Amino acid sequence: MDEKNKKVLEGFSEKKSDTEIGEELTNLKDQLCAMGNTLNQLKMNSTPTNQNQGMQVQSQQSKQTAAQLLQQIQGFRQETQQQQQQSQQQLQQSIQQAMTTLNQANQQIVSYQVLTQMNQIIDQAQQQLNQMGQQNQPM
């Protein structure tokens, strides 16, 4: 395999850079931390901290916290789905590029075989011409 094909195949195996992966993981980690904080708020709001606090206020805070948590979970789900789609697209592109490279390699193999056969035919023709030349020489 020539150097050009090696480089192309190496390019297929490369994934996202470490920086891109790190950024995605940081975003996901931040979202998980936010969800954890929201859960903690929900727990704190569900236990009365002040005897004078009315049940309606506490219930409203719990509903708001639960709604925030739901929004965060939905955002997290959307982001993971987007990343999954991006990964799938990259995989499909890599497969397509690999198939293209394999097809090119196959064409080179076929060309090599044809050239080999042509050289054999030329060698045979040259041998026949040499034999004919030897037969026509005076003794």
N, C-alpha and C. Protein backbone atom coordinates (compact mmCIF):
# COMPACT_ATOMS: atom_id res chain seq x y z
N MET A 1 0.85 -1.16 0.00
CA MET A 1 0.00 0.00 0.00
C MET A 1 0.91 1.23 0.00
N ASP A 2 0.63 2.17 -0.90
CA ASP A 2 1.50 3.34 -0.97
C ASP A 2 1.22 4.32 0.17
N GLU A 3 2.09 5.29 0.27
CA GLU A 3 2.03 6.26 1.40
C GLU A 3 0.74 7.07 1.38
N LYS A 4 0.27 7.40 0.17
CA LYS A 4 -0.96 8.19 0.07
C LYS A 4 -2.14 7.42 0.66
N ASN A 5 -2.27 6.15 0.31
CA ASN A 5 -3.38 5.34 0.84
C ASN A 5 -3.25 5.14 2.34
N LYS A 6 -2.02 4.99 2.83
CA LYS A 6 -1.83 4.86 4.28
C LYS A 6 -2.32 6.10 5.00
N LYS A 7 -1.99 7.26 4.46
CA LYS A 7 -2.42 8.50 5.11
C LYS A 7 -3.94 8.64 5.09
N VAL A 8 -4.55 8.24 3.97
CA VAL A 8 -6.01 8.33 3.87
C VAL A 8 -6.65 7.41 4.90
N LEU A 9 -6.15 6.18 5.01
CA LEU A 9 -6.71 5.24 5.98
C LEU A 9 -6.47 5.70 7.41
N GLU A 10 -5.33 6.30 7.67
CA GLU A 10 -5.07 6.83 9.02
C GLU A 10 -6.05 7.95 9.34
N GLY A 11 -6.37 8.75 8.33
CA GLY A 11 -7.33 9.84 8.53
C GLY A 11 -8.70 9.31 8.92
N PHE A 12 -9.07 8.14 8.40
CA PHE A 12 -10.38 7.57 8.73
C PHE A 12 -10.45 7.16 10.19
N SER A 13 -9.34 6.67 10.70
CA SER A 13 -9.36 6.15 12.07
C SER A 13 -9.29 7.25 13.11
N GLU A 14 -8.97 8.46 12.69
CA GLU A 14 -8.89 9.56 13.66
C GLU A 14 -10.28 9.95 14.12
N LYS A 15 -10.40 10.21 15.37
CA LYS A 15 -11.67 10.63 15.95
C LYS A 15 -11.61 12.14 16.18
N LYS A 16 -12.62 12.67 16.86
CA LYS A 16 -12.61 14.08 17.21
C LYS A 16 -11.38 14.37 18.04
N SER A 17 -10.92 15.59 17.97
CA SER A 17 -9.76 15.94 18.77
C SER A 17 -10.09 15.88 20.25
N ASP A 18 -9.06 15.73 21.06
CA ASP A 18 -9.24 15.64 22.50
C ASP A 18 -9.95 16.87 23.04
N THR A 19 -9.68 18.01 22.43
CA THR A 19 -10.31 19.25 22.90
C THR A 19 -11.81 19.21 22.69
N GLU A 20 -12.25 18.75 21.51
CA GLU A 20 -13.68 18.68 21.24
C GLU A 20 -14.38 17.71 22.18
N ILE A 21 -13.76 16.57 22.40
CA ILE A 21 -14.35 15.58 23.30
C ILE A 21 -14.40 16.13 24.72
N GLY A 22 -13.32 16.80 25.13
CA GLY A 22 -13.28 17.39 26.46
C GLY A 22 -14.37 18.43 26.66
N GLU A 23 -14.60 19.26 25.63
CA GLU A 23 -15.64 20.28 25.72
C GLU A 23 -17.02 19.63 25.86
N GLU A 24 -17.26 18.58 25.06
CA GLU A 24 -18.56 17.91 25.14
C GLU A 24 -18.77 17.27 26.51
N LEU A 25 -17.72 16.64 27.02
CA LEU A 25 -17.83 16.02 28.33
C LEU A 25 -18.02 17.06 29.43
N THR A 26 -17.37 18.21 29.29
CA THR A 26 -17.53 19.28 30.27
C THR A 26 -18.97 19.78 30.27
N ASN A 27 -19.53 19.96 29.07
CA ASN A 27 -20.93 20.40 28.98
C ASN A 27 -21.87 19.40 29.64
N LEU A 28 -21.66 18.13 29.37
CA LEU A 28 -22.51 17.10 29.97
C LEU A 28 -22.33 17.07 31.49
N LYS A 29 -21.10 17.22 31.95
CA LYS A 29 -20.84 17.22 33.39
C LYS A 29 -21.52 18.41 34.05
N ASP A 30 -21.45 19.58 33.39
CA ASP A 30 -22.12 20.77 33.94
C ASP A 30 -23.62 20.56 34.04
N GLN A 31 -24.19 19.92 33.03
CA GLN A 31 -25.63 19.67 33.07
C GLN A 31 -25.98 18.69 34.17
N LEU A 32 -25.15 17.67 34.35
CA LEU A 32 -25.40 16.72 35.43
C LEU A 32 -25.31 17.39 36.80
N CYS A 33 -24.33 18.28 36.96
CA CYS A 33 -24.19 19.02 38.22
C CYS A 33 -25.42 19.89 38.46
N ALA A 34 -25.89 20.55 37.41
CA ALA A 34 -27.08 21.40 37.55
C ALA A 34 -28.29 20.57 37.95
N MET A 35 -28.41 19.38 37.36
CA MET A 35 -29.53 18.51 37.73
C MET A 35 -29.40 18.07 39.19
N GLY A 36 -28.18 17.77 39.60
CA GLY A 36 -27.96 17.38 40.99
C GLY A 36 -28.32 18.51 41.94
N ASN A 37 -27.95 19.73 41.58
CA ASN A 37 -28.29 20.89 42.41
C ASN A 37 -29.80 21.07 42.50
N THR A 38 -30.46 20.88 41.37
CA THR A 38 -31.91 21.01 41.36
C THR A 38 -32.56 19.94 42.22
N LEU A 39 -32.03 18.73 42.15
CA LEU A 39 -32.55 17.67 43.01
C LEU A 39 -32.36 18.01 44.49
N ASN A 40 -31.20 18.56 44.81
CA ASN A 40 -30.95 18.96 46.20
C ASN A 40 -31.93 20.04 46.65
N GLN A 41 -32.19 20.99 45.75
CA GLN A 41 -33.18 22.03 46.07
C GLN A 41 -34.55 21.42 46.30
N LEU A 42 -34.88 20.45 45.46
CA LEU A 42 -36.17 19.79 45.60
C LEU A 42 -36.27 19.09 46.95
N LYS A 43 -35.21 18.44 47.35
CA LYS A 43 -35.20 17.78 48.66
C LYS A 43 -35.33 18.78 49.79
N MET A 44 -34.59 19.87 49.66
CA MET A 44 -34.63 20.89 50.72
C MET A 44 -36.00 21.54 50.81
N ASN A 45 -36.62 21.76 49.67
CA ASN A 45 -37.93 22.40 49.67
C ASN A 45 -39.03 21.47 50.15
N SER A 46 -38.79 20.18 50.07
CA SER A 46 -39.84 19.25 50.48
C SER A 46 -39.88 19.09 51.99
N THR A 47 -38.80 19.46 52.70
CA THR A 47 -38.82 19.41 54.17
C THR A 47 -38.94 20.83 54.71
N PRO A 48 -39.83 21.07 55.60
CA PRO A 48 -40.03 22.43 56.08
C PRO A 48 -38.81 22.92 56.86
N THR A 49 -38.34 24.10 56.49
CA THR A 49 -37.21 24.70 57.18
C THR A 49 -37.67 25.76 58.17
N ASN A 50 -38.85 26.22 57.97
CA ASN A 50 -39.38 27.26 58.85
C ASN A 50 -40.82 26.88 59.19
N GLN A 51 -41.15 26.80 60.46
CA GLN A 51 -42.48 26.38 60.88
C GLN A 51 -43.55 27.34 60.38
N ASN A 52 -43.20 28.62 60.20
CA ASN A 52 -44.18 29.62 59.79
C ASN A 52 -44.43 29.61 58.28
N GLN A 53 -43.62 28.86 57.58
CA GLN A 53 -43.78 28.85 56.12
C GLN A 53 -45.04 28.07 55.76
N GLY A 54 -45.85 28.64 54.92
CA GLY A 54 -47.11 28.01 54.55
C GLY A 54 -46.91 26.85 53.60
N MET A 55 -47.81 25.91 53.61
CA MET A 55 -47.74 24.74 52.74
C MET A 55 -47.85 25.12 51.27
N GLN A 56 -48.61 26.16 50.97
CA GLN A 56 -48.78 26.55 49.57
C GLN A 56 -47.46 27.07 48.98
N VAL A 57 -46.74 27.86 49.74
CA VAL A 57 -45.47 28.39 49.26
C VAL A 57 -44.49 27.25 49.03
N GLN A 58 -44.45 26.33 49.97
CA GLN A 58 -43.55 25.19 49.86
C GLN A 58 -43.93 24.32 48.66
N SER A 59 -45.20 24.11 48.45
CA SER A 59 -45.67 23.31 47.33
C SER A 59 -45.32 23.98 46.00
N GLN A 60 -45.48 25.30 45.93
CA GLN A 60 -45.16 26.05 44.72
C GLN A 60 -43.66 25.96 44.41
N GLN A 61 -42.84 26.07 45.43
CA GLN A 61 -41.39 25.97 45.23
C GLN A 61 -41.02 24.57 44.73
N SER A 62 -41.65 23.57 45.28
CA SER A 62 -41.38 22.20 44.85
C SER A 62 -41.77 22.01 43.39
N LYS A 63 -42.90 22.58 42.99
CA LYS A 63 -43.34 22.47 41.61
C LYS A 63 -42.36 23.17 40.67
N GLN A 64 -41.90 24.35 41.08
CA GLN A 64 -40.95 25.09 40.25
C GLN A 64 -39.63 24.32 40.12
N THR A 65 -39.18 23.77 41.22
CA THR A 65 -37.93 23.00 41.20
C THR A 65 -38.08 21.77 40.33
N ALA A 66 -39.21 21.10 40.45
CA ALA A 66 -39.45 19.91 39.62
C ALA A 66 -39.50 20.30 38.13
N ALA A 67 -40.12 21.43 37.83
CA ALA A 67 -40.19 21.89 36.44
C ALA A 67 -38.78 22.21 35.91
N GLN A 68 -37.96 22.81 36.75
CA GLN A 68 -36.58 23.10 36.34
C GLN A 68 -35.82 21.82 36.07
N LEU A 69 -35.99 20.87 36.93
CA LEU A 69 -35.32 19.59 36.76
C LEU A 69 -35.77 18.91 35.46
N LEU A 70 -37.05 18.96 35.19
CA LEU A 70 -37.58 18.37 33.96
C LEU A 70 -36.97 19.05 32.73
N GLN A 71 -36.87 20.38 32.77
CA GLN A 71 -36.27 21.11 31.65
C GLN A 71 -34.80 20.71 31.48
N GLN A 72 -34.10 20.57 32.58
CA GLN A 72 -32.69 20.20 32.50
C GLN A 72 -32.53 18.79 31.93
N ILE A 73 -33.39 17.90 32.35
CA ILE A 73 -33.34 16.53 31.83
C ILE A 73 -33.63 16.51 30.33
N GLN A 74 -34.62 17.29 29.90
CA GLN A 74 -34.94 17.35 28.48
C GLN A 74 -33.78 17.93 27.68
N GLY A 75 -33.15 18.96 28.22
CA GLY A 75 -31.98 19.54 27.55
C GLY A 75 -30.85 18.53 27.45
N PHE A 76 -30.64 17.81 28.52
CA PHE A 76 -29.60 16.78 28.54
C PHE A 76 -29.91 15.71 27.50
N ARG A 77 -31.15 15.28 27.43
CA ARG A 77 -31.55 14.26 26.45
C ARG A 77 -31.33 14.77 25.03
N GLN A 78 -31.72 16.02 24.76
CA GLN A 78 -31.54 16.57 23.41
C GLN A 78 -30.07 16.62 23.03
N GLU A 79 -29.24 17.04 23.97
CA GLU A 79 -27.82 17.15 23.67
C GLU A 79 -27.20 15.77 23.40
N THR A 80 -27.58 14.78 24.19
CA THR A 80 -27.03 13.44 23.96
C THR A 80 -27.53 12.88 22.63
N GLN A 81 -28.77 13.17 22.27
CA GLN A 81 -29.28 12.70 20.98
C GLN A 81 -28.53 13.37 19.82
N GLN A 82 -28.25 14.67 19.97
CA GLN A 82 -27.50 15.37 18.94
C GLN A 82 -26.10 14.80 18.79
N GLN A 83 -25.47 14.51 19.90
CA GLN A 83 -24.12 13.94 19.85
C GLN A 83 -24.15 12.54 19.24
N GLN A 84 -25.19 11.80 19.53
CA GLN A 84 -25.32 10.47 18.95
C GLN A 84 -25.49 10.58 17.44
N GLN A 85 -26.30 11.53 16.99
CA GLN A 85 -26.50 11.72 15.55
C GLN A 85 -25.20 12.14 14.88
N GLN A 86 -24.45 13.04 15.52
CA GLN A 86 -23.18 13.46 14.95
C GLN A 86 -22.21 12.29 14.84
N SER A 87 -22.17 11.48 15.88
CA SER A 87 -21.29 10.31 15.85
C SER A 87 -21.70 9.35 14.74
N GLN A 88 -23.00 9.16 14.57
CA GLN A 88 -23.49 8.27 13.53
C GLN A 88 -23.12 8.81 12.15
N GLN A 89 -23.28 10.12 11.95
CA GLN A 89 -22.93 10.72 10.67
C GLN A 89 -21.44 10.58 10.39
N GLN A 90 -20.62 10.80 11.41
CA GLN A 90 -19.18 10.67 11.23
C GLN A 90 -18.81 9.23 10.89
N LEU A 91 -19.47 8.29 11.54
CA LEU A 91 -19.21 6.88 11.26
C LEU A 91 -19.59 6.55 9.82
N GLN A 92 -20.75 7.04 9.39
CA GLN A 92 -21.18 6.77 8.01
C GLN A 92 -20.21 7.39 7.01
N GLN A 93 -19.72 8.60 7.31
CA GLN A 93 -18.76 9.24 6.42
C GLN A 93 -17.46 8.45 6.37
N SER A 94 -17.02 7.98 7.52
CA SER A 94 -15.79 7.20 7.56
C SER A 94 -15.94 5.90 6.77
N ILE A 95 -17.09 5.26 6.91
CA ILE A 95 -17.34 4.03 6.17
C ILE A 95 -17.35 4.32 4.66
N GLN A 96 -18.00 5.40 4.28
CA GLN A 96 -18.06 5.75 2.85
C GLN A 96 -16.67 6.05 2.31
N GLN A 97 -15.87 6.78 3.09
CA GLN A 97 -14.50 7.08 2.64
C GLN A 97 -13.67 5.80 2.55
N ALA A 98 -13.86 4.91 3.50
CA ALA A 98 -13.12 3.65 3.46
C ALA A 98 -13.52 2.83 2.24
N MET A 99 -14.82 2.82 1.93
CA MET A 99 -15.28 2.09 0.74
C MET A 99 -14.69 2.69 -0.53
N THR A 100 -14.64 4.00 -0.58
CA THR A 100 -14.06 4.67 -1.75
C THR A 100 -12.59 4.28 -1.89
N THR A 101 -11.87 4.29 -0.79
CA THR A 101 -10.45 3.93 -0.82
C THR A 101 -10.27 2.48 -1.23
N LEU A 102 -11.11 1.59 -0.71
CA LEU A 102 -11.02 0.18 -1.09
C LEU A 102 -11.31 0.00 -2.58
N ASN A 103 -12.28 0.74 -3.10
CA ASN A 103 -12.58 0.66 -4.53
C ASN A 103 -11.39 1.13 -5.36
N GLN A 104 -10.75 2.21 -4.90
CA GLN A 104 -9.57 2.71 -5.61
C GLN A 104 -8.44 1.69 -5.57
N ALA A 105 -8.25 1.06 -4.42
CA ALA A 105 -7.22 0.04 -4.30
C ALA A 105 -7.53 -1.14 -5.22
N ASN A 106 -8.80 -1.51 -5.30
CA ASN A 106 -9.20 -2.61 -6.18
C ASN A 106 -8.91 -2.25 -7.64
N GLN A 107 -9.19 -1.02 -8.02
CA GLN A 107 -8.91 -0.58 -9.38
C GLN A 107 -7.41 -0.64 -9.67
N GLN A 108 -6.60 -0.28 -8.68
CA GLN A 108 -5.15 -0.35 -8.87
C GLN A 108 -4.69 -1.79 -9.03
N ILE A 109 -5.30 -2.69 -8.27
CA ILE A 109 -4.94 -4.11 -8.37
C ILE A 109 -5.30 -4.64 -9.77
N VAL A 110 -6.50 -4.29 -10.25
CA VAL A 110 -6.93 -4.73 -11.58
C VAL A 110 -5.99 -4.16 -12.64
N SER A 111 -5.62 -2.89 -12.50
CA SER A 111 -4.70 -2.27 -13.47
C SER A 111 -3.36 -2.99 -13.45
N TYR A 112 -2.88 -3.32 -12.28
CA TYR A 112 -1.60 -4.04 -12.16
C TYR A 112 -1.69 -5.40 -12.85
N GLN A 113 -2.79 -6.10 -12.65
CA GLN A 113 -2.96 -7.41 -13.26
C GLN A 113 -3.00 -7.30 -14.79
N VAL A 114 -3.70 -6.29 -15.29
CA VAL A 114 -3.79 -6.09 -16.75
C VAL A 114 -2.41 -5.79 -17.31
N LEU A 115 -1.66 -4.93 -16.62
CA LEU A 115 -0.32 -4.59 -17.10
C LEU A 115 0.60 -5.82 -17.07
N THR A 116 0.44 -6.65 -16.07
CA THR A 116 1.23 -7.88 -15.98
C THR A 116 0.92 -8.80 -17.16
N GLN A 117 -0.36 -8.93 -17.47
CA GLN A 117 -0.75 -9.76 -18.61
C GLN A 117 -0.22 -9.18 -19.92
N MET A 118 -0.26 -7.87 -20.05
CA MET A 118 0.25 -7.23 -21.27
C MET A 118 1.75 -7.48 -21.40
N ASN A 119 2.48 -7.41 -20.29
CA ASN A 119 3.92 -7.68 -20.35
C ASN A 119 4.17 -9.12 -20.77
N GLN A 120 3.37 -10.06 -20.28
CA GLN A 120 3.53 -11.46 -20.66
C GLN A 120 3.28 -11.65 -22.15
N ILE A 121 2.26 -10.98 -22.67
CA ILE A 121 1.95 -11.07 -24.11
C ILE A 121 3.09 -10.48 -24.93
N ILE A 122 3.63 -9.35 -24.46
CA ILE A 122 4.75 -8.72 -25.18
C ILE A 122 5.96 -9.64 -25.17
N ASP A 123 6.22 -10.28 -24.01
CA ASP A 123 7.35 -11.21 -23.92
C ASP A 123 7.16 -12.38 -24.88
N GLN A 124 5.94 -12.92 -24.97
CA GLN A 124 5.67 -14.04 -25.87
C GLN A 124 5.87 -13.61 -27.32
N ALA A 125 5.37 -12.42 -27.65
CA ALA A 125 5.50 -11.93 -29.02
C ALA A 125 6.97 -11.73 -29.36
N GLN A 126 7.75 -11.21 -28.41
CA GLN A 126 9.17 -11.00 -28.66
C GLN A 126 9.88 -12.34 -28.86
N GLN A 127 9.52 -13.35 -28.08
CA GLN A 127 10.13 -14.67 -28.24
C GLN A 127 9.79 -15.26 -29.61
N GLN A 128 8.54 -15.08 -30.04
CA GLN A 128 8.15 -15.61 -31.35
C GLN A 128 8.91 -14.89 -32.47
N LEU A 129 9.06 -13.58 -32.32
CA LEU A 129 9.82 -12.83 -33.34
C LEU A 129 11.28 -13.28 -33.36
N ASN A 130 11.84 -13.52 -32.19
CA ASN A 130 13.23 -14.00 -32.13
C ASN A 130 13.37 -15.36 -32.81
N GLN A 131 12.39 -16.24 -32.57
CA GLN A 131 12.43 -17.57 -33.19
C GLN A 131 12.30 -17.46 -34.71
N MET A 132 11.39 -16.57 -35.14
CA MET A 132 11.22 -16.40 -36.59
C MET A 132 12.49 -15.82 -37.21
N GLY A 133 13.12 -14.92 -36.49
CA GLY A 133 14.36 -14.33 -37.01
C GLY A 133 15.47 -15.36 -37.10
N GLN A 134 15.52 -16.27 -36.13
CA GLN A 134 16.54 -17.33 -36.15
C GLN A 134 16.29 -18.33 -37.28
N GLN A 135 15.04 -18.59 -37.60
CA GLN A 135 14.71 -19.53 -38.64
C GLN A 135 15.03 -18.96 -40.03
N ASN A 136 14.91 -17.66 -40.19
CA ASN A 136 15.12 -17.04 -41.48
C ASN A 136 16.58 -16.71 -41.74
N GLN A 137 17.46 -16.89 -40.78
CA GLN A 137 18.88 -16.60 -41.01
C GLN A 137 19.52 -17.72 -41.84
N PRO A 138 20.40 -17.32 -42.80
CA PRO A 138 21.08 -18.36 -43.60
C PRO A 138 22.09 -19.11 -42.75
N MET A 139 22.22 -20.38 -43.03
CA MET A 139 23.15 -21.22 -42.29
C MET A 139 24.45 -21.30 -42.92
